[in-house]
Amino acid sequence: MKVAYIFSTNLSHYILSNMIIPQLEKGEHVAEVIGMFFLGDNTFLLLKNNDIGERLTKIAKSTGMLIMACDKCAFDRKIDSDLVEGAMLGCFPDLYKSLTDVGVNQIITL
């Protein structure tokens, strides 16, 4: 099953650092994560030198997983040029287009 995550809640850091990322790093997540989209203050998780962002970059390099920050959210926070390598900026139409191209089965909002 191919899944994508949308991170919109204040629990995103906890869920990523304690559940999803460790499972992906160990190859134990079961579902194939093909994309992650970050909204609001969660875009800060994709800043360079942020542990979450750096770990996701490594995973994305090895799997081809999409990492995208909401462009408006990043612009408003003035971090659009400070994101980890490989992180893209986009809005929902960009996300949906990217996920359609790779055949997502489920989009999960956390």
C-alpha atoms as a PDB file:
ATOM      1  CA  MET A   1       0.000   0.000   0.000  1.00  0.00           C
ATOM      2  CA  LYS A   2       1.312   3.432  -0.958  1.00  0.00           C
ATOM      3  CA  VAL A   3       0.530   6.168   1.559  1.00  0.00           C
ATOM      4  CA  ALA A   4       1.180   9.866   1.966  1.00  0.00           C
ATOM      5  CA  TYR A   5       1.037  11.886   5.156  1.00  0.00           C
ATOM      6  CA  ILE A   6      -0.174  15.447   5.665  1.00  0.00           C
ATOM      7  CA  PHE A   7       1.191  16.903   8.891  1.00  0.00           C
ATOM      8  CA  SER A   8      -1.107  19.591  10.257  1.00  0.00           C
ATOM      9  CA  THR A   9      -1.359  19.060  14.027  1.00  0.00           C
ATOM     10  CA  ASN A  10       0.832  20.004  16.965  1.00  0.00           C
ATOM     11  CA  LEU A  11       1.570  16.284  17.481  1.00  0.00           C
ATOM     12  CA  SER A  12       3.450  15.981  14.193  1.00  0.00           C
ATOM     13  CA  HIS A  13       6.928  16.254  15.724  1.00  0.00           C
ATOM     14  CA  TYR A  14       6.132  13.568  18.299  1.00  0.00           C
ATOM     15  CA  ILE A  15       4.565  11.208  15.766  1.00  0.00           C
ATOM     16  CA  LEU A  16       7.420  11.592  13.300  1.00  0.00           C
ATOM     17  CA  SER A  17      10.316  11.378  15.750  1.00  0.00           C
ATOM     18  CA  ASN A  18       8.935   8.545  17.890  1.00  0.00           C
ATOM     19  CA  MET A  19       6.930   6.453  15.449  1.00  0.00           C
ATOM     20  CA  ILE A  20       7.117   7.002  11.704  1.00  0.00           C
ATOM     21  CA  ILE A  21      10.777   7.918  11.174  1.00  0.00           C
ATOM     22  CA  PRO A  22      12.194   5.116  13.367  1.00  0.00           C
ATOM     23  CA  GLN A  23       9.958   2.608  11.559  1.00  0.00           C
ATOM     24  CA  LEU A  24      11.064   3.907   8.150  1.00  0.00           C
ATOM     25  CA  GLU A  25      14.728   3.832   9.165  1.00  0.00           C
ATOM     26  CA  LYS A  26      14.391   0.198  10.266  1.00  0.00           C
ATOM     27  CA  GLY A  27      12.286  -0.814   7.259  1.00  0.00           C
ATOM     28  CA  GLU A  28       9.380  -1.727   9.545  1.00  0.00           C
ATOM     29  CA  HIS A  29       6.690   0.768   8.536  1.00  0.00           C
ATOM     30  CA  VAL A  30       4.959  -1.793   6.280  1.00  0.00           C
ATOM     31  CA  ALA A  31       3.233   0.796   4.067  1.00  0.00           C
ATOM     32  CA  GLU A  32       5.342   2.459   1.388  1.00  0.00           C
ATOM     33  CA  VAL A  33       5.442   6.164   2.228  1.00  0.00           C
ATOM     34  CA  ILE A  34       5.586   8.035  -1.046  1.00  0.00           C
ATOM     35  CA  GLY A  35       5.068  11.552   0.252  1.00  0.00           C
ATOM     36  CA  MET A  36       4.872  13.899   3.201  1.00  0.00           C
ATOM     37  CA  PHE A  37       3.305  17.368   3.180  1.00  0.00           C
ATOM     38  CA  PHE A  38       3.877  19.880   5.992  1.00  0.00           C
ATOM     39  CA  LEU A  39       1.454  22.680   6.886  1.00  0.00           C
ATOM     40  CA  GLY A  40       1.614  25.661   9.246  1.00  0.00           C
ATOM     41  CA  ASP A  41       4.292  25.581  11.921  1.00  0.00           C
ATOM     42  CA  ASN A  42       5.128  22.011  10.902  1.00  0.00           C
ATOM     43  CA  THR A  43       7.093  23.521   8.012  1.00  0.00           C
ATOM     44  CA  PHE A  44       9.752  24.360  10.631  1.00  0.00           C
ATOM     45  CA  LEU A  45      10.432  20.607  10.864  1.00  0.00           C
ATOM     46  CA  LEU A  46      11.978  20.836   7.404  1.00  0.00           C
ATOM     47  CA  LEU A  47      14.549  23.488   8.291  1.00  0.00           C
ATOM     48  CA  LYS A  48      18.198  22.703   7.601  1.00  0.00           C
ATOM     49  CA  ASN A  49      19.933  21.241  10.672  1.00  0.00           C
ATOM     50  CA  ASN A  50      16.600  20.123  12.165  1.00  0.00           C
ATOM     51  CA  ASP A  51      16.885  16.456  13.154  1.00  0.00           C
ATOM     52  CA  ILE A  52      13.477  15.553  11.706  1.00  0.00           C
ATOM     53  CA  GLY A  53      14.189  17.248   8.389  1.00  0.00           C
ATOM     54  CA  GLU A  54      17.675  15.791   8.080  1.00  0.00           C
ATOM     55  CA  ARG A  55      16.453  12.254   8.831  1.00  0.00           C
ATOM     56  CA  LEU A  56      13.622  12.636   6.314  1.00  0.00           C
ATOM     57  CA  THR A  57      16.133  13.829   3.701  1.00  0.00           C
ATOM     58  CA  LYS A  58      18.149  10.636   4.135  1.00  0.00           C
ATOM     59  CA  ILE A  59      15.026   8.515   3.814  1.00  0.00           C
ATOM     60  CA  ALA A  60      13.856  10.457   0.756  1.00  0.00           C
ATOM     61  CA  LYS A  61      17.230  10.041  -0.945  1.00  0.00           C
ATOM     62  CA  SER A  62      17.064   6.280  -0.568  1.00  0.00           C
ATOM     63  CA  THR A  63      13.368   5.805  -1.364  1.00  0.00           C
ATOM     64  CA  GLY A  64      12.382   8.688  -3.644  1.00  0.00           C
ATOM     65  CA  MET A  65       9.787   9.856  -1.105  1.00  0.00           C
ATOM     66  CA  LEU A  66       8.360  13.335  -1.743  1.00  0.00           C
ATOM     67  CA  ILE A  67       8.920  15.934   0.967  1.00  0.00           C
ATOM     68  CA  MET A  68       6.866  19.085   0.443  1.00  0.00           C
ATOM     69  CA  ALA A  69       6.205  22.162   2.551  1.00  0.00           C
ATOM     70  CA  CYS A  70       3.179  24.350   2.011  1.00  0.00           C
ATOM     71  CA  ASP A  71       4.583  27.221  -0.015  1.00  0.00           C
ATOM     72  CA  LYS A  72       2.391  29.893   1.598  1.00  0.00           C
ATOM     73  CA  CYS A  73       3.246  28.593   5.092  1.00  0.00           C
ATOM     74  CA  ALA A  74       6.984  28.655   4.345  1.00  0.00           C
ATOM     75  CA  PHE A  75       6.831  32.112   2.747  1.00  0.00           C
ATOM     76  CA  ASP A  76       4.847  33.520   5.690  1.00  0.00           C
ATOM     77  CA  ARG A  77       7.459  32.143   8.115  1.00  0.00           C
ATOM     78  CA  LYS A  78      10.315  33.382   5.918  1.00  0.00           C
ATOM     79  CA  ILE A  79      11.904  29.921   5.764  1.00  0.00           C
ATOM     80  CA  ASP A  80      11.331  29.100   2.094  1.00  0.00           C
ATOM     81  CA  SER A  81      15.072  29.265   1.307  1.00  0.00           C
ATOM     82  CA  ASP A  82      16.212  27.428   4.461  1.00  0.00           C
ATOM     83  CA  LEU A  83      14.634  24.005   3.950  1.00  0.00           C
ATOM     84  CA  VAL A  84      16.500  20.707   3.882  1.00  0.00           C
ATOM     85  CA  GLU A  85      17.908  19.416   0.638  1.00  0.00           C
ATOM     86  CA  GLY A  86      15.244  17.930  -1.569  1.00  0.00           C
ATOM     87  CA  ALA A  87      12.278  19.568   0.180  1.00  0.00           C
ATOM     88  CA  MET A  88       9.893  21.099  -2.305  1.00  0.00           C
ATOM     89  CA  LEU A  89       7.504  23.995  -1.940  1.00  0.00           C
ATOM     90  CA  GLY A  90       3.962  23.652  -3.208  1.00  0.00           C
ATOM     91  CA  CYS A  91       0.276  23.844  -2.511  1.00  0.00           C
ATOM     92  CA  PHE A  92      -2.409  21.171  -2.510  1.00  0.00           C
ATOM     93  CA  PRO A  93      -2.736  20.985  -6.318  1.00  0.00           C
ATOM     94  CA  ASP A  94       1.040  20.367  -6.524  1.00  0.00           C
ATOM     95  CA  LEU A  95       0.802  17.691  -3.851  1.00  0.00           C
ATOM     96  CA  TYR A  96      -2.099  15.926  -5.532  1.00  0.00           C
ATOM     97  CA  LYS A  97      -0.382  15.996  -8.923  1.00  0.00           C
ATOM     98  CA  SER A  98       2.807  14.535  -7.453  1.00  0.00           C
ATOM     99  CA  LEU A  99       0.938  11.804  -5.607  1.00  0.00           C
ATOM    100  CA  THR A 100      -1.256  10.917  -8.574  1.00  0.00           C
ATOM    101  CA  ASP A 101       1.833  10.411 -10.707  1.00  0.00           C
ATOM    102  CA  VAL A 102       3.145   7.723  -8.300  1.00  0.00           C
ATOM    103  CA  GLY A 103      -0.166   6.032  -7.503  1.00  0.00           C
ATOM    104  CA  VAL A 104      -1.035   6.843  -3.882  1.00  0.00           C
ATOM    105  CA  ASN A 105      -3.611   4.549  -2.228  1.00  0.00           C
ATOM    106  CA  GLN A 106      -4.241   6.499   0.994  1.00  0.00           C
ATOM    107  CA  ILE A 107      -3.631  10.042   2.252  1.00  0.00           C
ATOM    108  CA  ILE A 108      -3.447  10.282   6.036  1.00  0.00           C
ATOM    109  CA  THR A 109      -3.673  13.573   7.927  1.00  0.00           C
ATOM    110  CA  LEU A 110      -1.892  13.727  11.279  1.00  0.00           C
END
